[in-house]
N, C-alpha and C. Protein backbone atom coordinates (compact mmCIF):
# COMPACT_ATOMS: atom_id res chain seq x y z
N MET A 1 0.87 -1.24 0.30
CA MET A 1 -0.01 0.16 0.01
C MET A 1 0.87 1.18 -0.06
N THR A 2 0.50 2.35 -0.70
CA THR A 2 1.13 3.30 -0.55
C THR A 2 0.89 4.16 0.69
N GLU A 3 1.96 4.88 1.07
CA GLU A 3 1.74 5.74 2.43
C GLU A 3 1.45 6.92 1.86
N VAL A 4 0.29 7.47 2.62
CA VAL A 4 -0.33 8.79 2.24
C VAL A 4 -0.17 9.64 3.46
N HIS A 5 0.63 10.78 3.40
CA HIS A 5 0.79 11.94 4.39
C HIS A 5 -0.01 13.24 4.18
N ALA A 6 -0.12 13.50 2.78
CA ALA A 6 -0.78 14.48 2.50
C ALA A 6 -1.77 14.45 1.19
N ILE A 7 -2.82 15.03 1.43
CA ILE A 7 -3.93 15.12 0.51
C ILE A 7 -4.16 16.38 -0.33
N GLY A 8 -4.03 16.58 -1.60
CA GLY A 8 -4.48 17.74 -2.17
C GLY A 8 -5.86 17.48 -2.68
N VAL A 9 -6.69 18.80 -2.52
CA VAL A 9 -7.99 18.70 -3.13
C VAL A 9 -8.22 19.80 -3.86
N ILE A 10 -8.55 19.50 -4.96
CA ILE A 10 -8.65 20.46 -6.23
C ILE A 10 -9.96 21.19 -6.46
N GLY A 11 -10.19 22.55 -5.93
CA GLY A 11 -11.52 22.97 -6.16
C GLY A 11 -11.90 22.97 -4.67
N ALA A 12 -12.26 24.33 -4.49
CA ALA A 12 -12.58 24.77 -3.12
C ALA A 12 -14.19 25.14 -2.80
N GLY A 13 -14.95 24.40 -3.78
CA GLY A 13 -16.44 24.66 -3.75
C GLY A 13 -16.94 23.84 -2.44
N LYS A 14 -18.28 23.76 -2.48
CA LYS A 14 -18.93 22.98 -1.24
C LYS A 14 -18.24 21.57 -1.10
N VAL A 15 -18.06 20.83 -2.24
CA VAL A 15 -17.81 19.31 -2.12
C VAL A 15 -16.28 19.44 -1.64
N GLY A 16 -15.51 20.31 -2.44
CA GLY A 16 -13.88 20.33 -2.11
C GLY A 16 -13.76 20.73 -0.51
N ARG A 17 -14.51 21.48 0.00
CA ARG A 17 -14.49 22.01 1.46
C ARG A 17 -14.99 20.76 2.26
N GLY A 18 -15.83 20.09 1.93
CA GLY A 18 -16.15 18.74 2.58
C GLY A 18 -15.10 17.86 2.66
N ILE A 19 -14.56 17.59 1.56
CA ILE A 19 -13.43 16.50 1.38
C ILE A 19 -12.46 16.99 2.29
N ALA A 20 -11.79 18.42 2.02
CA ALA A 20 -10.86 18.78 2.71
C ALA A 20 -11.03 18.73 4.37
N LEU A 21 -12.11 19.05 4.87
CA LEU A 21 -12.46 18.83 6.16
C LEU A 21 -12.25 17.47 6.62
N ALA A 22 -12.93 16.45 5.93
CA ALA A 22 -12.70 15.07 6.33
C ALA A 22 -11.13 14.64 6.34
N ALA A 23 -10.40 15.23 5.34
CA ALA A 23 -9.23 14.86 5.21
C ALA A 23 -8.17 15.32 6.56
N ALA A 24 -8.63 16.62 6.79
CA ALA A 24 -8.00 17.21 7.86
C ALA A 24 -8.49 16.33 9.34
N MET A 25 -9.47 16.17 9.54
CA MET A 25 -10.00 15.75 10.58
C MET A 25 -9.51 14.14 10.68
N GLY A 26 -9.15 13.57 9.52
CA GLY A 26 -8.64 12.13 9.73
C GLY A 26 -7.25 12.29 9.94
N GLY A 27 -6.60 13.40 9.80
CA GLY A 27 -5.18 13.16 10.30
C GLY A 27 -4.37 13.44 9.18
N TYR A 28 -4.92 14.08 8.25
CA TYR A 28 -3.86 14.19 6.97
C TYR A 28 -3.42 15.56 6.82
N ARG A 29 -2.34 15.92 6.46
CA ARG A 29 -1.85 17.32 5.87
C ARG A 29 -2.93 17.48 4.49
N THR A 30 -3.55 18.64 4.48
CA THR A 30 -4.38 18.67 3.35
C THR A 30 -4.20 20.06 2.88
N ILE A 31 -4.10 20.12 1.48
CA ILE A 31 -3.95 21.32 0.76
C ILE A 31 -5.05 21.52 -0.06
N LEU A 32 -5.74 22.49 0.28
CA LEU A 32 -7.01 22.77 -0.74
C LEU A 32 -6.69 23.96 -1.71
N GLU A 33 -6.88 23.60 -2.84
CA GLU A 33 -6.55 24.37 -4.18
C GLU A 33 -7.70 25.04 -4.73
N ASP A 34 -7.72 26.30 -5.28
CA ASP A 34 -8.68 26.81 -5.94
C ASP A 34 -7.81 28.02 -6.89
N LEU A 35 -8.24 28.40 -7.96
CA LEU A 35 -7.51 29.52 -8.76
C LEU A 35 -7.91 30.64 -8.41
N LEU A 36 -9.20 30.82 -7.84
CA LEU A 36 -9.86 31.96 -7.47
C LEU A 36 -9.42 32.51 -5.82
N PRO A 37 -8.56 33.46 -5.71
CA PRO A 37 -8.39 33.78 -4.35
C PRO A 37 -9.53 34.08 -3.49
N ASN A 38 -10.47 34.46 -4.10
CA ASN A 38 -11.76 34.75 -3.18
C ASN A 38 -12.48 33.45 -2.69
N ALA A 39 -12.41 32.37 -3.66
CA ALA A 39 -13.04 31.15 -3.19
C ALA A 39 -11.98 30.57 -2.06
N LEU A 40 -10.72 30.77 -2.21
CA LEU A 40 -9.83 30.17 -1.07
C LEU A 40 -10.11 30.92 0.34
N ARG A 41 -10.21 32.30 0.21
CA ARG A 41 -10.34 33.05 1.52
C ARG A 41 -11.94 32.51 2.09
N ARG A 42 -12.88 32.39 1.15
CA ARG A 42 -14.14 31.86 1.72
C ARG A 42 -14.08 30.54 2.24
N ALA A 43 -13.45 29.76 1.54
CA ALA A 43 -13.22 28.31 2.00
C ALA A 43 -12.66 28.26 3.52
N GLU A 44 -11.53 28.92 3.50
CA GLU A 44 -10.89 28.95 4.65
C GLU A 44 -11.74 29.55 6.14
N SER A 45 -12.37 30.49 5.81
CA SER A 45 -13.39 31.01 6.70
C SER A 45 -14.41 29.97 7.13
N GLU A 46 -14.96 29.49 5.97
CA GLU A 46 -16.15 28.47 6.34
C GLU A 46 -15.37 27.31 7.02
N LEU A 47 -14.34 26.49 6.56
CA LEU A 47 -13.70 25.78 7.24
C LEU A 47 -13.66 26.05 8.81
N ARG A 48 -12.88 27.20 9.01
CA ARG A 48 -12.73 27.40 10.29
C ARG A 48 -13.85 27.52 11.09
N ALA A 49 -14.99 27.96 10.60
CA ALA A 49 -16.30 28.27 11.40
C ALA A 49 -16.98 26.89 11.57
N GLY A 50 -16.86 25.99 10.65
CA GLY A 50 -17.34 24.63 10.69
C GLY A 50 -16.67 23.79 11.69
N VAL A 51 -15.42 23.73 11.55
CA VAL A 51 -14.64 23.18 12.72
C VAL A 51 -14.98 23.76 14.04
N ASN A 52 -14.97 25.07 14.21
CA ASN A 52 -15.19 25.61 15.56
C ASN A 52 -16.65 25.08 16.12
N GLN A 53 -17.69 25.33 15.16
CA GLN A 53 -18.95 24.79 15.40
C GLN A 53 -18.93 23.51 16.03
N ALA A 54 -18.29 22.51 15.42
CA ALA A 54 -18.19 21.07 15.80
C ALA A 54 -17.53 21.30 17.09
N SER A 55 -16.66 21.79 17.61
CA SER A 55 -16.02 21.94 18.58
C SER A 55 -16.82 22.32 19.75
N GLY A 56 -17.50 23.53 19.45
CA GLY A 56 -18.46 24.02 20.45
C GLY A 56 -19.79 23.46 20.80
N SER A 57 -20.25 22.39 19.91
CA SER A 57 -21.37 21.49 19.88
C SER A 57 -20.71 20.19 20.79
N GLY A 58 -19.56 20.01 20.91
CA GLY A 58 -18.94 18.90 21.66
C GLY A 58 -18.75 17.72 20.67
N ARG A 59 -19.05 17.80 19.33
CA ARG A 59 -18.67 16.65 18.17
C ARG A 59 -17.53 16.02 18.27
N VAL A 60 -16.54 17.24 18.33
CA VAL A 60 -15.00 16.93 18.43
C VAL A 60 -14.53 17.87 19.53
N SER A 61 -13.48 17.41 20.05
CA SER A 61 -12.78 18.10 21.21
C SER A 61 -12.25 19.24 20.66
N HIS A 62 -12.04 20.39 21.47
CA HIS A 62 -11.01 21.52 21.27
C HIS A 62 -9.91 21.39 20.74
N ALA A 63 -9.23 20.27 21.19
CA ALA A 63 -7.84 19.83 20.76
C ALA A 63 -7.96 19.22 19.33
N ALA A 64 -8.75 18.56 19.03
CA ALA A 64 -8.94 17.85 17.75
C ALA A 64 -9.38 18.74 16.63
N ALA A 65 -10.02 19.75 17.10
CA ALA A 65 -10.45 20.64 16.24
C ALA A 65 -9.15 21.72 15.72
N SER A 66 -8.68 22.11 16.89
CA SER A 66 -7.44 22.84 16.73
C SER A 66 -6.27 22.16 15.98
N THR A 67 -6.05 20.88 16.04
CA THR A 67 -5.10 20.13 15.27
C THR A 67 -5.60 20.06 13.92
N ALA A 68 -7.07 19.57 13.62
CA ALA A 68 -7.48 19.61 12.15
C ALA A 68 -7.23 21.02 11.46
N LEU A 69 -7.48 22.05 12.15
CA LEU A 69 -7.28 23.29 11.54
C LEU A 69 -5.84 23.69 11.11
N SER A 70 -4.77 23.09 12.02
CA SER A 70 -3.38 23.38 11.70
C SER A 70 -2.97 22.34 10.49
N ARG A 71 -3.70 21.38 10.46
CA ARG A 71 -3.29 20.57 9.10
C ARG A 71 -3.70 21.09 7.63
N LEU A 72 -4.56 22.15 7.72
CA LEU A 72 -5.17 22.71 6.50
C LEU A 72 -4.24 23.82 5.99
N GLU A 73 -3.96 23.53 4.58
CA GLU A 73 -3.03 24.58 4.07
C GLU A 73 -3.81 24.90 2.57
N PHE A 74 -3.42 25.89 1.96
CA PHE A 74 -4.42 26.68 1.02
C PHE A 74 -3.29 26.83 -0.25
N ALA A 75 -3.59 26.50 -1.31
CA ALA A 75 -2.77 26.74 -2.71
C ALA A 75 -3.55 27.45 -3.82
N GLY A 76 -2.86 28.38 -4.31
CA GLY A 76 -3.50 28.93 -5.58
C GLY A 76 -3.41 28.51 -7.07
N THR A 77 -2.47 27.32 -7.08
CA THR A 77 -2.27 26.67 -8.28
C THR A 77 -2.34 25.19 -8.12
N VAL A 78 -2.88 24.42 -9.18
CA VAL A 78 -2.84 23.02 -9.11
C VAL A 78 -1.42 22.67 -9.04
N GLU A 79 -0.55 23.03 -9.66
CA GLU A 79 0.89 22.79 -9.59
C GLU A 79 1.53 22.79 -8.13
N ASP A 80 1.10 23.84 -7.29
CA ASP A 80 1.53 23.83 -6.07
C ASP A 80 1.01 22.75 -5.18
N ALA A 81 -0.33 22.41 -5.39
CA ALA A 81 -1.23 21.42 -4.66
C ALA A 81 -0.67 20.23 -4.87
N ALA A 82 -0.46 19.90 -6.02
CA ALA A 82 0.06 18.54 -6.71
C ALA A 82 1.45 18.13 -6.28
N ARG A 83 2.45 19.25 -6.20
CA ARG A 83 3.70 18.72 -5.76
C ARG A 83 3.86 18.48 -4.29
N ARG A 84 2.88 18.63 -3.50
CA ARG A 84 2.95 18.54 -2.21
C ARG A 84 2.31 17.32 -1.67
N ALA A 85 1.30 16.55 -2.60
CA ALA A 85 0.40 15.74 -2.27
C ALA A 85 0.89 14.24 -2.66
N ASP A 86 0.30 13.30 -1.51
CA ASP A 86 0.54 11.97 -2.10
C ASP A 86 -0.60 11.20 -2.67
N LEU A 87 -1.98 12.04 -2.73
CA LEU A 87 -2.97 11.61 -3.16
C LEU A 87 -3.91 12.88 -3.62
N ILE A 88 -4.48 13.07 -4.71
CA ILE A 88 -5.30 14.30 -5.19
C ILE A 88 -6.70 13.76 -5.44
N ILE A 89 -7.41 14.76 -4.78
CA ILE A 89 -9.07 14.39 -4.96
C ILE A 89 -9.54 15.59 -5.64
N GLU A 90 -10.01 15.37 -7.06
CA GLU A 90 -10.45 16.61 -7.70
C GLU A 90 -11.83 16.70 -7.68
N ALA A 91 -12.41 17.71 -7.29
CA ALA A 91 -13.87 17.94 -6.81
C ALA A 91 -14.40 19.20 -7.69
N LEU A 92 -14.42 18.84 -8.91
CA LEU A 92 -14.71 19.97 -9.86
C LEU A 92 -16.17 19.41 -10.48
N PRO A 93 -16.73 20.39 -11.17
CA PRO A 93 -18.20 19.84 -11.68
C PRO A 93 -17.96 18.82 -12.52
N ASP A 94 -19.10 18.04 -12.90
CA ASP A 94 -18.95 16.75 -13.75
C ASP A 94 -18.99 17.20 -15.03
N GLU A 95 -17.92 17.65 -15.78
CA GLU A 95 -17.64 17.82 -17.05
C GLU A 95 -16.50 17.44 -17.55
N LEU A 96 -16.79 16.38 -18.39
CA LEU A 96 -15.62 15.59 -19.02
C LEU A 96 -14.32 16.32 -19.26
N GLU A 97 -14.43 17.49 -20.21
CA GLU A 97 -13.23 17.99 -20.73
C GLU A 97 -12.62 18.61 -19.52
N SER A 98 -13.21 19.31 -18.68
CA SER A 98 -12.47 19.88 -17.24
C SER A 98 -11.79 18.79 -16.58
N LYS A 99 -12.55 18.01 -16.45
CA LYS A 99 -11.81 16.66 -15.69
C LYS A 99 -10.59 16.09 -16.21
N MET A 100 -10.70 16.01 -17.68
CA MET A 100 -9.37 15.40 -18.36
C MET A 100 -8.39 16.49 -18.53
N GLU A 101 -8.65 17.89 -18.52
CA GLU A 101 -7.81 18.71 -18.40
C GLU A 101 -6.82 18.62 -17.12
N ILE A 102 -7.89 18.72 -15.90
CA ILE A 102 -7.07 18.70 -14.56
C ILE A 102 -6.11 17.52 -14.58
N PHE A 103 -6.64 16.26 -15.11
CA PHE A 103 -5.89 14.89 -14.80
C PHE A 103 -4.73 15.29 -15.90
N THR A 104 -4.75 15.73 -16.87
CA THR A 104 -3.41 16.04 -17.58
C THR A 104 -2.72 16.75 -16.86
N LEU A 105 -3.10 17.89 -16.15
CA LEU A 105 -2.00 18.78 -15.44
C LEU A 105 -1.42 18.10 -14.33
N LEU A 106 -2.36 17.45 -13.59
CA LEU A 106 -2.06 16.60 -12.57
C LEU A 106 -0.93 15.42 -12.72
N ASP A 107 -1.16 14.68 -13.98
CA ASP A 107 -0.32 13.97 -14.35
C ASP A 107 1.14 14.39 -14.59
N LYS A 108 1.22 15.61 -15.01
CA LYS A 108 2.45 16.67 -15.31
C LYS A 108 2.92 17.00 -13.98
N PHE A 109 2.48 17.31 -13.23
CA PHE A 109 3.04 17.85 -11.74
C PHE A 109 3.26 17.04 -10.71
N CYS A 110 2.59 15.96 -10.71
CA CYS A 110 2.66 14.95 -9.65
C CYS A 110 3.53 14.21 -9.43
N ARG A 111 4.36 13.79 -8.37
CA ARG A 111 5.38 12.80 -8.17
C ARG A 111 4.91 11.38 -8.92
N PRO A 112 5.74 10.45 -9.26
CA PRO A 112 5.49 9.21 -9.59
C PRO A 112 4.63 8.53 -8.72
N GLY A 113 3.66 7.92 -8.63
CA GLY A 113 2.97 7.16 -7.70
C GLY A 113 1.80 7.81 -7.04
N THR A 114 1.75 8.93 -7.20
CA THR A 114 0.51 10.00 -6.64
C THR A 114 -0.63 9.28 -7.34
N ILE A 115 -1.49 9.24 -6.22
CA ILE A 115 -2.85 8.81 -6.65
C ILE A 115 -3.90 9.91 -7.14
N LEU A 116 -4.49 9.64 -8.03
CA LEU A 116 -5.52 10.62 -8.49
C LEU A 116 -6.91 10.27 -8.48
N VAL A 117 -7.76 10.88 -7.76
CA VAL A 117 -9.06 10.29 -7.66
C VAL A 117 -10.04 11.89 -8.16
N SER A 118 -10.94 11.33 -8.66
CA SER A 118 -12.01 12.27 -9.20
C SER A 118 -13.40 11.86 -8.79
N HIS A 119 -13.94 13.22 -7.97
CA HIS A 119 -15.31 13.02 -7.54
C HIS A 119 -16.28 12.94 -9.00
N LEU A 120 -17.08 11.94 -9.07
CA LEU A 120 -17.77 11.95 -10.30
C LEU A 120 -19.39 11.56 -9.91
N THR A 121 -20.08 11.91 -10.88
CA THR A 121 -21.40 11.49 -10.74
C THR A 121 -21.90 10.80 -11.70
N ALA A 122 -21.67 10.90 -13.01
CA ALA A 122 -22.03 10.00 -14.07
C ALA A 122 -20.80 9.64 -15.32
N LEU A 123 -19.75 10.45 -14.97
CA LEU A 123 -18.50 10.06 -15.89
C LEU A 123 -17.76 8.77 -15.72
N SER A 124 -17.08 8.35 -16.57
CA SER A 124 -16.35 7.08 -16.49
C SER A 124 -14.81 7.81 -16.14
N ILE A 125 -14.27 6.91 -14.84
CA ILE A 125 -13.06 7.40 -14.51
C ILE A 125 -12.00 6.58 -15.49
N THR A 126 -12.46 5.58 -15.97
CA THR A 126 -11.55 4.90 -17.15
C THR A 126 -11.31 5.91 -18.21
N GLU A 127 -12.10 6.61 -18.64
CA GLU A 127 -12.10 7.41 -19.84
C GLU A 127 -11.37 8.51 -19.36
N ILE A 128 -11.27 9.11 -18.05
CA ILE A 128 -10.67 10.27 -17.76
C ILE A 128 -9.11 9.94 -17.52
N SER A 129 -9.02 8.70 -16.87
CA SER A 129 -7.72 8.29 -16.69
C SER A 129 -6.73 8.17 -17.84
N ARG A 130 -7.44 7.82 -18.99
CA ARG A 130 -6.65 7.61 -20.20
C ARG A 130 -5.91 8.76 -20.68
N VAL A 131 -6.02 9.97 -20.11
CA VAL A 131 -5.31 11.06 -20.57
C VAL A 131 -3.88 11.17 -19.74
N THR A 132 -3.62 10.11 -18.78
CA THR A 132 -2.57 10.11 -17.92
C THR A 132 -1.52 8.99 -18.17
N TYR A 133 -0.51 9.17 -17.70
CA TYR A 133 0.57 7.97 -17.89
C TYR A 133 0.46 7.11 -16.52
N ARG A 134 -0.71 7.31 -15.79
CA ARG A 134 -0.67 6.63 -14.47
C ARG A 134 -2.38 5.96 -14.27
N ALA A 135 -2.79 5.32 -15.01
CA ALA A 135 -4.28 4.95 -15.09
C ALA A 135 -4.26 3.88 -13.94
N LYS A 136 -3.17 3.18 -13.72
CA LYS A 136 -3.20 2.33 -12.65
C LYS A 136 -3.46 3.01 -11.26
N ASN A 137 -3.23 4.19 -11.17
CA ASN A 137 -3.29 5.10 -9.82
C ASN A 137 -4.34 6.00 -9.94
N CYS A 138 -5.36 5.69 -10.94
CA CYS A 138 -6.59 6.64 -10.92
C CYS A 138 -7.91 5.92 -10.36
N LEU A 139 -8.70 6.44 -9.66
CA LEU A 139 -10.01 5.83 -9.58
C LEU A 139 -11.07 7.05 -9.30
N GLY A 140 -12.31 6.80 -9.16
CA GLY A 140 -13.19 7.90 -9.05
C GLY A 140 -13.89 7.47 -7.49
N MET A 141 -14.96 8.58 -7.12
CA MET A 141 -15.32 8.63 -5.82
C MET A 141 -16.78 9.48 -6.16
N ARG A 142 -17.82 8.67 -5.52
CA ARG A 142 -19.10 9.36 -5.61
C ARG A 142 -19.61 9.43 -4.27
N PHE A 143 -20.42 10.58 -3.95
CA PHE A 143 -21.31 10.73 -2.79
C PHE A 143 -22.08 11.90 -3.12
N ALA A 144 -23.24 11.86 -2.39
CA ALA A 144 -24.24 12.91 -2.55
C ALA A 144 -23.47 14.59 -1.97
N GLU A 145 -23.12 14.20 -0.97
CA GLU A 145 -22.44 15.36 -0.04
C GLU A 145 -21.20 14.90 0.33
N ALA A 146 -20.18 15.67 0.72
CA ALA A 146 -18.89 15.12 1.02
C ALA A 146 -18.90 15.00 2.46
N THR A 147 -19.84 15.44 3.26
CA THR A 147 -20.04 15.00 4.63
C THR A 147 -20.94 13.86 4.87
N ASP A 148 -21.21 13.03 3.66
CA ASP A 148 -22.00 11.84 3.90
C ASP A 148 -21.12 10.81 4.74
N ALA A 149 -21.76 10.04 5.34
CA ALA A 149 -20.93 8.82 5.85
C ALA A 149 -20.53 7.72 5.03
N GLN A 150 -21.29 7.70 3.93
CA GLN A 150 -21.06 6.65 2.87
C GLN A 150 -20.47 6.89 1.56
N TRP A 151 -19.22 6.80 1.17
CA TRP A 151 -18.57 6.98 -0.23
C TRP A 151 -18.61 5.88 -1.02
N GLU A 152 -18.89 5.99 -2.29
CA GLU A 152 -18.55 4.95 -3.33
C GLU A 152 -17.26 5.06 -3.98
N ILE A 153 -16.61 4.06 -4.17
CA ILE A 153 -15.39 4.25 -4.68
C ILE A 153 -15.55 3.54 -6.16
N VAL A 154 -14.97 4.26 -7.07
CA VAL A 154 -15.19 3.47 -8.69
C VAL A 154 -14.07 3.36 -9.08
N ARG A 155 -13.94 1.87 -9.36
CA ARG A 155 -12.50 1.41 -9.91
C ARG A 155 -12.54 1.39 -11.32
N GLY A 156 -11.60 1.94 -11.97
CA GLY A 156 -11.42 2.10 -13.15
C GLY A 156 -10.85 0.81 -13.93
N GLY A 157 -10.89 0.81 -15.18
CA GLY A 157 -10.63 -0.40 -15.82
C GLY A 157 -9.15 -0.69 -15.84
N GLU A 158 -8.08 0.19 -15.37
CA GLU A 158 -6.77 -0.21 -15.13
C GLU A 158 -6.39 0.18 -13.55
N THR A 159 -7.27 0.22 -12.83
CA THR A 159 -6.90 0.65 -11.53
C THR A 159 -6.40 -0.42 -10.85
N ASP A 160 -4.95 -0.41 -10.20
CA ASP A 160 -4.38 -1.51 -9.60
C ASP A 160 -4.80 -1.76 -8.23
N GLU A 161 -4.52 -3.02 -7.72
CA GLU A 161 -4.83 -3.33 -6.15
C GLU A 161 -4.20 -2.32 -5.10
N ASP A 162 -2.91 -1.93 -5.22
CA ASP A 162 -2.38 -1.05 -4.34
C ASP A 162 -3.08 0.34 -4.37
N THR A 163 -3.55 0.86 -5.48
CA THR A 163 -4.14 2.12 -5.20
C THR A 163 -5.84 1.83 -4.70
N LEU A 164 -6.43 0.73 -5.06
CA LEU A 164 -7.69 0.56 -4.43
C LEU A 164 -7.40 0.53 -2.87
N ALA A 165 -6.48 -0.54 -2.31
CA ALA A 165 -6.00 -0.55 -0.86
C ALA A 165 -5.95 0.66 -0.22
N THR A 166 -4.94 1.48 -0.90
CA THR A 166 -4.55 2.77 -0.50
C THR A 166 -5.73 3.65 -0.08
N VAL A 167 -6.78 3.94 -1.09
CA VAL A 167 -7.90 4.58 -0.94
C VAL A 167 -8.72 4.18 0.04
N LEU A 168 -9.16 2.86 0.08
CA LEU A 168 -10.00 2.27 1.18
C LEU A 168 -9.36 2.58 2.49
N ALA A 169 -7.91 2.57 2.71
CA ALA A 169 -7.43 2.81 3.95
C ALA A 169 -7.66 4.29 4.25
N VAL A 170 -7.39 5.37 3.29
CA VAL A 170 -7.63 6.56 3.42
C VAL A 170 -9.08 7.04 4.06
N GLY A 171 -10.04 6.54 3.12
CA GLY A 171 -11.20 6.78 3.37
C GLY A 171 -11.77 6.23 4.89
N LYS A 172 -11.34 4.96 5.05
CA LYS A 172 -11.62 4.67 6.37
C LYS A 172 -11.09 5.65 7.60
N ARG A 173 -10.03 5.99 7.37
CA ARG A 173 -9.28 6.99 8.50
C ARG A 173 -10.25 8.17 8.50
N MET A 174 -10.91 8.51 7.33
CA MET A 174 -11.46 9.98 7.30
C MET A 174 -12.82 9.64 7.75
N GLY A 175 -13.25 8.22 8.24
CA GLY A 175 -14.57 7.96 8.85
C GLY A 175 -15.36 7.77 7.96
N LYS A 176 -15.25 7.31 6.56
CA LYS A 176 -16.21 7.01 5.77
C LYS A 176 -16.29 5.53 5.80
N GLU A 177 -17.61 5.00 5.51
CA GLU A 177 -18.13 3.65 5.02
C GLU A 177 -17.81 3.88 3.65
N LEU A 178 -17.16 2.86 2.92
CA LEU A 178 -16.83 2.74 1.44
C LEU A 178 -17.31 1.47 0.85
N ALA A 179 -18.13 1.82 -0.24
CA ALA A 179 -18.31 0.70 -1.21
C ALA A 179 -17.68 0.85 -2.48
N VAL A 180 -17.12 -0.37 -2.96
CA VAL A 180 -16.50 -0.19 -4.40
C VAL A 180 -17.38 -0.92 -5.38
N VAL A 181 -17.26 -0.22 -6.50
CA VAL A 181 -17.78 -0.60 -7.73
C VAL A 181 -16.83 -0.56 -8.84
N GLN A 182 -17.07 -1.28 -9.92
CA GLN A 182 -16.44 -1.12 -11.18
C GLN A 182 -17.00 -0.16 -12.08
N ASP A 183 -16.24 0.50 -12.76
CA ASP A 183 -16.68 1.68 -13.51
C ASP A 183 -17.50 1.11 -14.72
N ALA A 184 -18.62 1.46 -15.04
CA ALA A 184 -19.16 1.17 -16.18
C ALA A 184 -18.68 1.41 -17.36
N GLY A 185 -17.84 2.33 -17.57
CA GLY A 185 -16.97 2.43 -18.69
C GLY A 185 -15.69 1.75 -18.87
N ALA A 186 -15.29 0.87 -17.73
CA ALA A 186 -14.18 0.06 -17.80
C ALA A 186 -14.01 -0.78 -19.00
N SER A 187 -15.02 -1.22 -19.57
CA SER A 187 -14.97 -2.25 -20.77
C SER A 187 -14.83 -1.12 -22.20
N LEU A 188 -14.73 -0.19 -22.28
CA LEU A 188 -14.60 0.65 -23.17
C LEU A 188 -13.39 0.53 -24.03
């Protein structure tokens, strides 16, 4: 299994913020990226408020909340987030061209072995991963809300066992119940 210390999240919208919060609460150094400075500032403010609210309501201890906040970092470029992460979760809208463009950039900037995950609703991770030289290190993820307790892991046609095992371990550490499904587009 690949060892994951840092998780990059591409896109600081609602889904990206939820993933970043789950990663930081799970004990991972978390780099949240967005090209828009205002989106990053808003994300930082909302993440701090959410963690403080969870602490104030007693759902998490003050120490755990403070530690989670200290794990959050922010990046203004895909390159900056990609170079610092062992696993990247892309949380952009479900548009094939955008996801393929991001995966092309991630493939260029990430270290060898970095795992690439795409938040999907209807797209094929097998098709998206074909723009990379690391299709074995790519898979998809589905959920209605990032705060959901259950996430679905979508295994692409070339996803290897190590990548799947690593993402399952990461998801478990983030407190998620995970179900694995095969990508419908895997036979394409």
